[in-house]
């Protein structure tokens, strides 16, 4: 089971955005579309989906958070034509962060934001078997510029069955922001590959709730463990959400939370929603009590 699920927050466009994404990638599908009633944002629409074999989740829950370049999705492509096809489709109505072209690290690469704000790094790679098709990229900018390696080491200490991969450092005088240390690094957390880097120009954007990482927990002990390890901002604690010391948002939830919300009766979903909206850390026993009424 995939332990960590990337979660995307949209104003109203979650389903529309996901439909675009699943049509562009192989081994992709919408798993379920559901509704969480009576949230502070009104009725919030959720989408559970698979993209190139990787599970994602998305929600339409109001204009409270906006996607930015602090987290993007790096896509490994086996041909120039594949890079161009994805670029042509994902760049429509969006913005170009690094233009399509040849770079020292790839013969065909582009970094764009689609029209919904999600960032994509499209890269031609020489050996597809060595790359996960889609990898979240964490860009440490603003106040946390220079802390990419510290974050990697911390996440390695939190998650079992994790390892640090390739790390490349900036040369002296290379980054415009002297705090930046890592210009590319790889991290594997229980089979999920991530990329982390410091922003060479420092940047003025930060991690926020628009792109969070859901941890699927087998039991209350796991919820308690990850809550203790990852919650560093008390005012951000709400409905299973926390922020770590680097500003990255996590959702610490029961592994079957989406399934419960998707398969429950209208009355069960209403009771569960009312219960978890009052919680900070999720209490599995209390949620099950609410479901049963």
Protein backbone atom coordinates (compact mmCIF):
# COMPACT_ATOMS: atom_id res chain seq x y z
CA UNK A 1 0.00 0.00 0.00
CA UNK A 2 1.27 3.48 -0.87
CA UNK A 3 2.01 5.09 2.51
CA UNK A 4 2.20 8.75 1.45
CA UNK A 5 -0.41 10.29 -0.85
CA UNK A 6 0.15 13.71 -2.49
CA UNK A 7 -2.91 15.86 -1.85
CA UNK A 8 -3.89 18.88 -3.97
CA UNK A 9 -6.19 21.71 -2.86
CA UNK A 10 -8.21 23.66 -5.42
CA UNK A 11 -10.88 26.33 -5.16
CA UNK A 12 -13.53 24.66 -7.36
CA UNK A 13 -11.52 22.91 -10.06
CA UNK A 14 -10.39 19.60 -8.54
CA UNK A 15 -12.47 17.31 -10.76
CA UNK A 16 -11.73 19.33 -13.89
CA UNK A 17 -8.00 19.33 -13.19
CA UNK A 18 -7.89 15.62 -12.37
CA UNK A 19 -9.77 14.75 -15.57
CA UNK A 20 -7.06 16.56 -17.53
CA UNK A 21 -4.26 14.76 -15.72
CA UNK A 22 -5.63 11.22 -15.99
CA UNK A 23 -6.19 11.69 -19.73
CA UNK A 24 -2.51 12.53 -20.23
CA UNK A 25 -0.85 9.61 -18.43
CA UNK A 26 -0.89 5.85 -18.82
CA UNK A 27 -2.12 3.66 -15.93
CA UNK A 28 -4.32 6.49 -14.68
CA UNK A 29 -7.93 6.69 -13.54
CA UNK A 30 -10.36 8.45 -11.24
CA UNK A 31 -11.04 6.08 -8.34
CA UNK A 32 -13.85 8.02 -6.68
CA UNK A 33 -15.51 11.42 -6.51
CA UNK A 34 -17.21 12.20 -3.21
CA UNK A 35 -18.51 15.07 -1.14
CA UNK A 36 -17.75 16.15 2.43
CA UNK A 37 -20.84 18.03 3.59
CA UNK A 38 -21.07 21.16 5.72
CA UNK A 39 -17.38 22.01 6.07
CA UNK A 40 -16.27 25.59 6.82
CA UNK A 41 -15.97 25.86 3.00
CA UNK A 42 -19.45 24.45 2.45
CA UNK A 43 -19.78 21.10 0.68
CA UNK A 44 -16.25 20.11 -0.35
CA UNK A 45 -15.77 17.80 -3.34
CA UNK A 46 -12.99 15.22 -3.09
CA UNK A 47 -11.31 13.19 -5.83
CA UNK A 48 -9.24 10.06 -5.25
CA UNK A 49 -7.25 9.19 -8.38
CA UNK A 50 -4.32 7.30 -9.82
CA UNK A 51 -1.71 8.91 -12.06
CA UNK A 52 0.85 6.72 -13.83
CA UNK A 53 0.24 4.07 -11.19
CA UNK A 54 0.70 6.50 -8.28
CA UNK A 55 -2.19 7.38 -6.01
CA UNK A 56 -3.18 11.02 -5.45
CA UNK A 57 -6.02 12.88 -3.79
CA UNK A 58 -7.55 16.29 -4.46
CA UNK A 59 -10.22 18.53 -2.99
CA UNK A 60 -12.27 21.55 -4.05
CA UNK A 61 -12.63 23.45 -0.80
CA UNK A 62 -12.50 27.16 -1.52
CA UNK A 63 -9.91 29.83 -2.39
CA UNK A 64 -7.94 29.59 0.83
CA UNK A 65 -4.67 28.13 -0.45
CA UNK A 66 -2.90 28.51 -3.78
CA UNK A 67 -0.46 26.13 -5.45
CA UNK A 68 3.00 27.58 -6.03
CA UNK A 69 6.45 26.37 -7.21
CA UNK A 70 7.50 25.16 -3.73
CA UNK A 71 6.22 21.69 -4.66
CA UNK A 72 5.98 20.40 -8.21
CA UNK A 73 5.75 17.04 -9.95
CA UNK A 74 8.79 15.81 -11.87
CA UNK A 75 7.84 13.52 -14.77
CA UNK A 76 10.39 11.11 -16.26
CA UNK A 77 9.91 10.82 -20.04
CA UNK A 78 11.45 8.27 -22.38
CA UNK A 79 11.33 10.41 -25.53
CA UNK A 80 11.46 13.99 -26.70
CA UNK A 81 8.00 13.50 -28.20
CA UNK A 82 6.63 12.58 -24.77
CA UNK A 83 8.10 15.72 -23.21
CA UNK A 84 6.62 17.83 -25.99
CA UNK A 85 3.19 16.18 -25.78
CA UNK A 86 2.92 16.81 -22.05
CA UNK A 87 4.27 20.32 -22.46
CA UNK A 88 1.74 21.15 -25.18
CA UNK A 89 -1.17 19.96 -23.02
CA UNK A 90 -0.13 21.13 -19.57
CA UNK A 91 1.16 24.58 -20.56
CA UNK A 92 -2.15 25.78 -22.06
CA UNK A 93 -3.31 28.75 -20.00
CA UNK A 94 -0.43 28.26 -17.58
CA UNK A 95 2.99 29.81 -16.98
CA UNK A 96 6.52 28.87 -17.98
CA UNK A 97 9.09 28.75 -15.17
CA UNK A 98 11.95 27.29 -17.24
CA UNK A 99 11.46 27.21 -21.03
CA UNK A 100 11.35 24.03 -23.04
CA UNK A 101 14.81 23.20 -24.30
CA UNK A 102 18.13 21.47 -23.69
CA UNK A 103 19.89 21.77 -20.34
CA UNK A 104 23.11 20.29 -18.87
CA UNK A 105 21.03 17.80 -16.87
CA UNK A 106 18.59 16.82 -19.65
CA UNK A 107 18.45 17.08 -23.43
CA UNK A 108 14.75 17.99 -23.24
CA UNK A 109 13.28 19.69 -20.19
CA UNK A 110 10.68 22.26 -19.15
CA UNK A 111 9.27 23.52 -15.87
CA UNK A 112 5.75 24.88 -16.13
CA UNK A 113 2.67 25.64 -14.06
CA UNK A 114 -0.60 24.47 -15.55
CA UNK A 115 -3.69 26.67 -15.61
CA UNK A 116 -4.71 25.36 -12.17
CA UNK A 117 -1.36 26.33 -10.64
CA UNK A 118 0.21 22.87 -10.31
CA UNK A 119 3.88 22.77 -11.26
CA UNK A 120 5.32 20.15 -13.62
CA UNK A 121 8.96 19.44 -14.39
CA UNK A 122 9.02 17.46 -17.64
CA UNK A 123 12.33 15.72 -18.20
CA UNK A 124 13.79 13.41 -20.82
CA UNK A 125 15.77 10.69 -19.01
CA UNK A 126 18.17 8.14 -20.43
CA UNK A 127 17.10 5.11 -18.40
CA UNK A 128 13.41 5.00 -17.48
CA UNK A 129 13.88 1.90 -15.31
CA UNK A 130 15.94 3.95 -12.85
CA UNK A 131 13.28 6.61 -12.38
CA UNK A 132 9.87 6.70 -10.78
CA UNK A 133 7.49 8.06 -13.42
CA UNK A 134 6.25 10.93 -11.23
CA UNK A 135 8.12 12.30 -8.22
CA UNK A 136 7.11 15.19 -5.94
CA UNK A 137 9.82 17.87 -5.81
CA UNK A 138 10.28 19.86 -2.60
CA UNK A 139 11.90 23.24 -3.24
CA UNK A 140 13.18 24.86 -0.04
CA UNK A 141 12.84 28.60 -0.53
CA UNK A 142 12.27 31.73 1.49
CA UNK A 143 12.90 31.23 5.21
CA UNK A 144 13.80 27.54 4.74
CA UNK A 145 16.25 28.03 1.89
CA UNK A 146 19.34 26.00 2.76
CA UNK A 147 17.47 23.46 4.87
CA UNK A 148 16.84 20.77 2.25
CA UNK A 149 19.46 18.38 3.64
CA UNK A 150 18.35 18.95 7.23
CA UNK A 151 14.80 18.11 6.14
CA UNK A 152 15.90 14.96 4.30
CA UNK A 153 17.79 13.73 7.34
CA UNK A 154 14.82 14.46 9.57
CA UNK A 155 12.37 12.60 7.34
CA UNK A 156 14.77 9.65 7.25
CA UNK A 157 14.63 9.58 11.05
CA UNK A 158 10.81 9.70 11.06
CA UNK A 159 9.97 7.11 8.40
CA UNK A 160 11.19 3.53 8.55
CA UNK A 161 12.38 1.83 5.37
CA UNK A 162 13.66 5.11 3.95
CA UNK A 163 16.95 6.01 2.32
CA UNK A 164 18.88 8.96 0.93
CA UNK A 165 19.82 8.68 -2.73
CA UNK A 166 21.93 10.85 -5.01
CA UNK A 167 22.88 14.27 -3.62
CA UNK A 168 24.47 17.09 -5.61
CA UNK A 169 25.69 20.28 -3.92
CA UNK A 170 26.06 23.79 -5.27
CA UNK A 171 29.65 24.79 -5.90
CA UNK A 172 31.05 27.76 -4.00
CA UNK A 173 29.64 30.98 -5.42
CA UNK A 174 27.21 29.15 -7.71
CA UNK A 175 23.87 29.98 -6.04
CA UNK A 176 22.70 33.59 -5.95
CA UNK A 177 21.46 32.97 -2.41
CA UNK A 178 24.40 31.94 -0.24
CA UNK A 179 22.16 29.86 2.03
CA UNK A 180 21.39 27.34 -0.73
CA UNK A 181 23.41 24.12 -0.39
CA UNK A 182 21.73 21.35 -2.39
CA UNK A 183 20.76 21.84 -6.02
CA UNK A 184 19.39 18.29 -6.39
CA UNK A 185 18.86 15.30 -4.10
CA UNK A 186 16.78 12.14 -3.98
CA UNK A 187 14.91 10.57 -1.08
CA UNK A 188 13.02 7.28 -0.91
CA UNK A 189 10.35 6.92 1.77
CA UNK A 190 8.94 3.40 1.93
CA UNK A 191 9.08 3.00 -1.82
CA UNK A 192 7.94 6.55 -2.64
CA UNK A 193 10.58 8.65 -4.38
CA UNK A 194 10.95 12.38 -3.72
CA UNK A 195 13.32 15.08 -4.92
CA UNK A 196 14.51 17.90 -2.65
CA UNK A 197 16.55 21.01 -3.42
CA UNK A 198 17.34 24.47 -2.14
CA UNK A 199 16.28 27.44 -4.25
CA UNK A 200 19.44 28.91 -5.72
CA UNK A 201 17.83 32.35 -5.86
CA UNK A 202 16.26 32.11 -2.40
CA UNK A 203 12.72 32.62 -3.68
CA UNK A 204 9.84 34.33 -1.90
CA UNK A 205 7.30 31.48 -1.89
CA UNK A 206 6.81 28.87 0.81
CA UNK A 207 5.16 25.52 1.37
CA UNK A 208 1.45 25.77 2.13
CA UNK A 209 -1.65 23.62 2.48
CA UNK A 210 -2.40 23.67 -1.26
CA UNK A 211 0.03 20.77 -1.67
CA UNK A 212 0.17 18.48 1.35
CA UNK A 213 1.22 14.89 1.96
CA UNK A 214 -1.27 12.44 3.45
CA UNK A 215 0.13 9.68 5.67
CA UNK A 216 -2.13 6.62 5.73
CA UNK A 217 -1.95 5.17 9.23
CA UNK A 218 -2.82 1.58 10.16
CA UNK A 219 -3.93 2.39 13.71
CA UNK A 220 -4.10 5.03 16.43
CA UNK A 221 -0.53 4.32 17.54
CA UNK A 222 0.73 5.32 14.08
CA UNK A 223 -1.37 8.47 14.11
CA UNK A 224 0.05 9.37 17.52
CA UNK A 225 3.62 8.66 16.38
CA UNK A 226 3.53 10.78 13.21
CA UNK A 227 1.63 13.57 14.99
CA UNK A 228 4.35 13.73 17.63
CA UNK A 229 7.13 13.72 15.01
CA UNK A 230 5.67 16.15 12.44
CA UNK A 231 3.56 18.72 14.27
CA UNK A 232 5.65 21.83 15.00
CA UNK A 233 3.05 24.60 14.50
CA UNK A 234 0.23 24.28 17.06
CA UNK A 235 -2.03 26.79 15.31
CA UNK A 236 -1.91 24.66 12.13
CA UNK A 237 -3.28 21.57 13.90
CA UNK A 238 -6.77 20.91 12.61
CA UNK A 239 -8.73 17.91 11.30
CA UNK A 240 -5.61 15.74 11.05
CA UNK A 241 -3.49 18.48 9.42
CA UNK A 242 -0.09 19.52 10.82
CA UNK A 243 2.93 21.55 9.71
CA UNK A 244 6.47 20.39 10.32
CA UNK A 245 9.44 22.60 11.25
CA UNK A 246 10.10 23.33 7.58
CA UNK A 247 6.54 24.51 6.89
CA UNK A 248 5.51 21.41 4.93
CA UNK A 249 1.89 20.36 5.50
CA UNK A 250 0.96 16.77 6.31
CA UNK A 251 -2.37 15.05 6.82
CA UNK A 252 -2.19 12.21 9.34
CA UNK A 253 -5.24 10.04 8.74
CA UNK A 254 -6.56 6.46 9.06
CA UNK A 255 -5.61 4.36 6.02
CA UNK A 256 -9.28 3.77 5.16
CA UNK A 257 -10.58 7.33 5.70
CA UNK A 258 -11.41 7.92 2.03
CA UNK A 259 -13.11 4.54 1.72
CA UNK A 260 -15.22 5.21 4.81
CA UNK A 261 -16.32 8.58 3.46
CA UNK A 262 -17.01 7.11 0.02
CA UNK A 263 -19.00 4.07 1.17
CA UNK A 264 -20.81 5.46 4.19
CA UNK A 265 -24.45 6.41 4.18
CA UNK A 266 -25.36 10.08 4.03
CA UNK A 267 -26.08 10.04 7.76
CA UNK A 268 -22.79 8.27 8.57
CA UNK A 269 -20.76 10.72 6.52
CA UNK A 270 -22.53 13.64 8.19
CA UNK A 271 -21.77 12.29 11.67
CA UNK A 272 -18.13 11.52 10.83
CA UNK A 273 -17.68 14.98 9.30
CA UNK A 274 -19.15 16.69 12.35
CA UNK A 275 -16.81 14.64 14.55
CA UNK A 276 -13.53 15.21 12.72
CA UNK A 277 -14.17 18.93 12.18
CA UNK A 278 -13.99 19.29 15.97
CA UNK A 279 -10.72 17.36 16.24
CA UNK A 280 -7.10 18.35 15.89
CA UNK A 281 -5.45 14.93 15.96
CA UNK A 282 -7.84 12.32 14.58
CA UNK A 283 -9.19 9.78 17.05
CA UNK A 284 -10.06 6.54 15.25
CA UNK A 285 -12.26 5.20 18.07
CA UNK A 286 -14.22 8.46 18.28
CA UNK A 287 -14.69 8.50 14.49
CA UNK A 288 -15.99 4.94 14.52
CA UNK A 289 -18.34 5.81 17.38
CA UNK A 290 -19.65 8.75 15.36
CA UNK A 291 -20.11 6.53 12.29
CA UNK A 292 -22.20 4.06 14.28
CA UNK A 293 -24.22 6.86 15.83
